[in-house]
C-alpha atoms as a PDB file:
ATOM      1  CA  MET A   1      -5.135  53.165  15.546  1.00  0.00           C
ATOM      2  CA  LEU A   2      -3.555  51.713  12.388  1.00  0.00           C
ATOM      3  CA  SER A   3      -0.900  49.778  14.322  1.00  0.00           C
ATOM      4  CA  HIS A   4      -3.582  48.302  16.572  1.00  0.00           C
ATOM      5  CA  ARG A   5      -5.531  47.105  13.496  1.00  0.00           C
ATOM      6  CA  LEU A   6      -2.395  45.523  11.966  1.00  0.00           C
ATOM      7  CA  ARG A   7      -1.622  43.692  15.204  1.00  0.00           C
ATOM      8  CA  SER A   8      -5.120  42.262  15.411  1.00  0.00           C
ATOM      9  CA  GLN A   9      -4.954  41.082  11.808  1.00  0.00           C
ATOM     10  CA  SER A  10      -1.628  39.349  12.329  1.00  0.00           C
ATOM     11  CA  GLY A  11      -3.088  37.617  15.367  1.00  0.00           C
ATOM     12  CA  GLN A  12      -5.999  36.436  13.274  1.00  0.00           C
ATOM     13  CA  ALA A  13      -3.641  35.055  10.634  1.00  0.00           C
ATOM     14  CA  SER A  14      -1.770  33.119  13.337  1.00  0.00           C
ATOM     15  CA  VAL A  15      -5.001  31.586  14.612  1.00  0.00           C
ATOM     16  CA  GLU A  16      -6.041  30.629  11.085  1.00  0.00           C
ATOM     17  CA  LEU A  17      -2.648  29.023  10.483  1.00  0.00           C
ATOM     18  CA  VAL A  18      -2.858  26.995  13.698  1.00  0.00           C
ATOM     19  CA  ALA A  19      -6.377  25.876  12.761  1.00  0.00           C
ATOM     20  CA  ALA A  20      -5.262  24.823   9.267  1.00  0.00           C
ATOM     21  CA  VAL A  21      -2.248  22.744  10.355  1.00  0.00           C
ATOM     22  CA  PRO A  22      -4.257  19.652  11.473  1.00  0.00           C
ATOM     23  CA  PHE A  23      -6.131  19.613   8.163  1.00  0.00           C
ATOM     24  CA  ALA A  24      -2.878  19.861   6.231  1.00  0.00           C
ATOM     25  CA  LEU A  25      -1.420  16.968   8.251  1.00  0.00           C
ATOM     26  CA  LEU A  26      -4.549  14.891   7.685  1.00  0.00           C
ATOM     27  CA  ALA A  27      -4.393  15.554   3.938  1.00  0.00           C
ATOM     28  CA  GLY A  28      -0.724  14.511   3.963  1.00  0.00           C
ATOM     29  CA  LEU A  29      -1.503  11.272   5.807  1.00  0.00           C
ATOM     30  CA  ILE A  30      -4.312  10.433   3.386  1.00  0.00           C
ATOM     31  CA  ALA A  31      -2.071  11.123   0.395  1.00  0.00           C
ATOM     32  CA  TRP A  32       0.705   8.946   1.839  1.00  0.00           C
ATOM     33  CA  GLN A  33      -1.780   6.125   2.515  1.00  0.00           C
ATOM     34  CA  LEU A  34      -2.866   6.259  -1.126  1.00  0.00           C
ATOM     35  CA  VAL A  35       0.776   6.042  -2.195  1.00  0.00           C
ATOM     36  CA  LEU A  36       1.297   3.017   0.076  1.00  0.00           C
ATOM     37  CA  THR A  37      -1.804   1.343  -1.355  1.00  0.00           C
ATOM     38  CA  GLY A  38      -0.649   1.850  -4.945  1.00  0.00           C
ATOM     39  CA  HIS A  39       2.843   0.613  -4.188  1.00  0.00           C
ATOM     40  CA  THR A  40       1.429  -2.460  -2.446  1.00  0.00           C
ATOM     41  CA  ALA A  41      -0.749  -3.231  -5.484  1.00  0.00           C
ATOM     42  CA  TRP A  42       2.285  -2.984  -7.763  1.00  0.00           C
ATOM     43  CA  LEU A  43       4.361  -5.245  -5.493  1.00  0.00           C
ATOM     44  CA  CYS A  44       1.499  -7.738  -5.233  1.00  0.00           C
ATOM     45  CA  ALA A  45       1.170  -7.976  -9.029  1.00  0.00           C
ATOM     46  CA  ASN A  46       4.918  -8.536  -9.318  1.00  0.00           C
ATOM     47  CA  ALA A  47       4.797 -11.253  -6.634  1.00  0.00           C
ATOM     48  CA  ALA A  48       1.967 -12.969  -8.543  1.00  0.00           C
ATOM     49  CA  ARG A  49       4.034 -12.988 -11.747  1.00  0.00           C
ATOM     50  CA  VAL A  50       7.059 -14.381  -9.897  1.00  0.00           C
ATOM     51  CA  ALA A  51       4.896 -17.067  -8.256  1.00  0.00           C
ATOM     52  CA  ALA A  52       3.373 -18.059 -11.621  1.00  0.00           C
ATOM     53  CA  ARG A  53       6.837 -18.412 -13.161  1.00  0.00           C
ATOM     54  CA  ALA A  54       7.949 -20.530 -10.218  1.00  0.00           C
ATOM     55  CA  GLU A  55       4.916 -22.789 -10.529  1.00  0.00           C
ATOM     56  CA  ALA A  56       5.487 -23.172 -14.274  1.00  0.00           C
ATOM     57  CA  VAL A  57       8.950 -24.630 -13.635  1.00  0.00           C
ATOM     58  CA  GLY A  58       7.879 -26.809 -10.701  1.00  0.00           C
ATOM     59  CA  ARG A  59       9.034 -24.635  -7.802  1.00  0.00           C
ATOM     60  CA  ASP A  60       7.107 -23.476  -4.728  1.00  0.00           C
ATOM     61  CA  PRO A  61       5.012 -20.431  -5.690  1.00  0.00           C
ATOM     62  CA  GLY A  62       4.589 -19.318  -2.060  1.00  0.00           C
ATOM     63  CA  ARG A  63       8.306 -19.160  -1.514  1.00  0.00           C
ATOM     64  CA  ALA A  64       8.805 -17.324  -4.803  1.00  0.00           C
ATOM     65  CA  ALA A  65       6.118 -14.751  -3.977  1.00  0.00           C
ATOM     66  CA  ARG A  66       7.658 -14.204  -0.542  1.00  0.00           C
ATOM     67  CA  SER A  67      11.055 -13.590  -2.125  1.00  0.00           C
ATOM     68  CA  ALA A  68       9.573 -10.859  -4.339  1.00  0.00           C
ATOM     69  CA  LEU A  69       8.092  -8.900  -1.419  1.00  0.00           C
ATOM     70  CA  PRO A  70       9.717  -6.745   1.254  1.00  0.00           C
ATOM     71  CA  ARG A  71       9.672  -8.221   4.756  1.00  0.00           C
ATOM     72  CA  ALA A  72       6.982  -5.791   5.919  1.00  0.00           C
ATOM     73  CA  LEU A  73       4.483  -7.308   3.474  1.00  0.00           C
ATOM     74  CA  GLU A  74       5.360 -10.959   4.051  1.00  0.00           C
ATOM     75  CA  ARG A  75       3.221 -11.209   7.203  1.00  0.00           C
ATOM     76  CA  GLY A  76      -0.074 -10.722   5.367  1.00  0.00           C
ATOM     77  CA  LEU A  77       0.851 -12.823   2.331  1.00  0.00           C
ATOM     78  CA  SER A  78      -1.553 -15.427   1.005  1.00  0.00           C
ATOM     79  CA  VAL A  79      -0.774 -17.538  -2.072  1.00  0.00           C
ATOM     80  CA  SER A  80      -3.282 -19.895  -3.665  1.00  0.00           C
ATOM     81  CA  ARG A  81      -3.261 -21.967  -6.827  1.00  0.00           C
ATOM     82  CA  SER A  82      -6.231 -21.839  -9.134  1.00  0.00           C
ATOM     83  CA  LYS A  83      -7.640 -24.850 -10.937  1.00  0.00           C
ATOM     84  CA  SER A  84      -6.786 -23.362 -14.319  1.00  0.00           C
ATOM     85  CA  GLY A  85      -3.093 -23.298 -13.478  1.00  0.00           C
ATOM     86  CA  GLY A  86      -2.677 -19.726 -12.316  1.00  0.00           C
ATOM     87  CA  VAL A  87      -1.591 -18.294  -8.999  1.00  0.00           C
ATOM     88  CA  ARG A  88      -3.414 -15.742  -6.843  1.00  0.00           C
ATOM     89  CA  VAL A  89      -1.447 -13.624  -4.377  1.00  0.00           C
ATOM     90  CA  SER A  90      -2.997 -11.333  -1.789  1.00  0.00           C
ATOM     91  CA  VAL A  91      -1.232  -8.978   0.596  1.00  0.00           C
ATOM     92  CA  ARG A  92      -2.471  -6.770   3.423  1.00  0.00           C
ATOM     93  CA  VAL A  93      -2.146  -3.053   2.744  1.00  0.00           C
ATOM     94  CA  PRO A  94       0.156  -1.405   5.302  1.00  0.00           C
ATOM     95  CA  ILE A  95      -1.273   1.507   7.269  1.00  0.00           C
ATOM     96  CA  VAL A  96       0.619   4.755   7.845  1.00  0.00           C
ATOM     97  CA  LEU A  97      -0.045   4.507  11.583  1.00  0.00           C
ATOM     98  CA  ARG A  98       1.603   1.171  12.321  1.00  0.00           C
ATOM     99  CA  ARG A  99      -0.257   0.492  15.566  1.00  0.00           C
ATOM    100  CA  TRP A 100      -3.341  -0.683  13.715  1.00  0.00           C
ATOM    101  CA  ARG A 101      -3.623  -3.775  11.613  1.00  0.00           C
ATOM    102  CA  ALA A 102      -4.715  -3.297   8.034  1.00  0.00           C
ATOM    103  CA  PRO A 103      -8.284  -4.421   7.362  1.00  0.00           C
ATOM    104  CA  VAL A 104      -7.815  -4.299   3.580  1.00  0.00           C
ATOM    105  CA  SER A 105      -6.026  -6.786   1.340  1.00  0.00           C
ATOM    106  CA  ILE A 106      -5.018  -6.379  -2.273  1.00  0.00           C
ATOM    107  CA  GLY A 107      -4.891  -9.359  -4.565  1.00  0.00           C
ATOM    108  CA  ALA A 108      -3.431 -10.096  -7.978  1.00  0.00           C
ATOM    109  CA  GLY A 109      -3.478 -13.146 -10.159  1.00  0.00           C
ATOM    110  CA  SER A 110      -1.156 -14.404 -12.857  1.00  0.00           C
ATOM    111  CA  SER A 111      -0.807 -17.476 -15.012  1.00  0.00           C
ATOM    112  CA  LEU A 112       1.602 -18.706 -17.603  1.00  0.00           C
ATOM    113  CA  GLY A 113       0.135 -20.757 -20.371  1.00  0.00           C
ATOM    114  CA  GLY A 114       1.550 -24.164 -21.085  1.00  0.00           C
ATOM    115  CA  PRO A 115       2.942 -25.246 -24.443  1.00  0.00           C
ATOM    116  CA  PRO A 116       0.602 -24.629 -27.402  1.00  0.00           C
END
């Protein structure tokens, strides 16, 4: 009787484990997407600073921003100059599942002041 009860409990634990695996994978994918989003925001801010420096010395800010980004982020890159002399860079956030195109963009702006 006791061995029968132990076997049924171990079977229940196996079923619970199999049911929990998809939720654990989903939580992992969500966490990784948040990491990708944060890393993209950091890279975008860096690209905006590089583009602002390039514009301050008379170079092409779009080319400078592109050089500061990995190739995977260059496709969704948008660089615009503001009237006040700054540069705005926006990049599409990559998605963990690469089949889909990212609907979200992250933007950052930077400007270097002229001489006082």
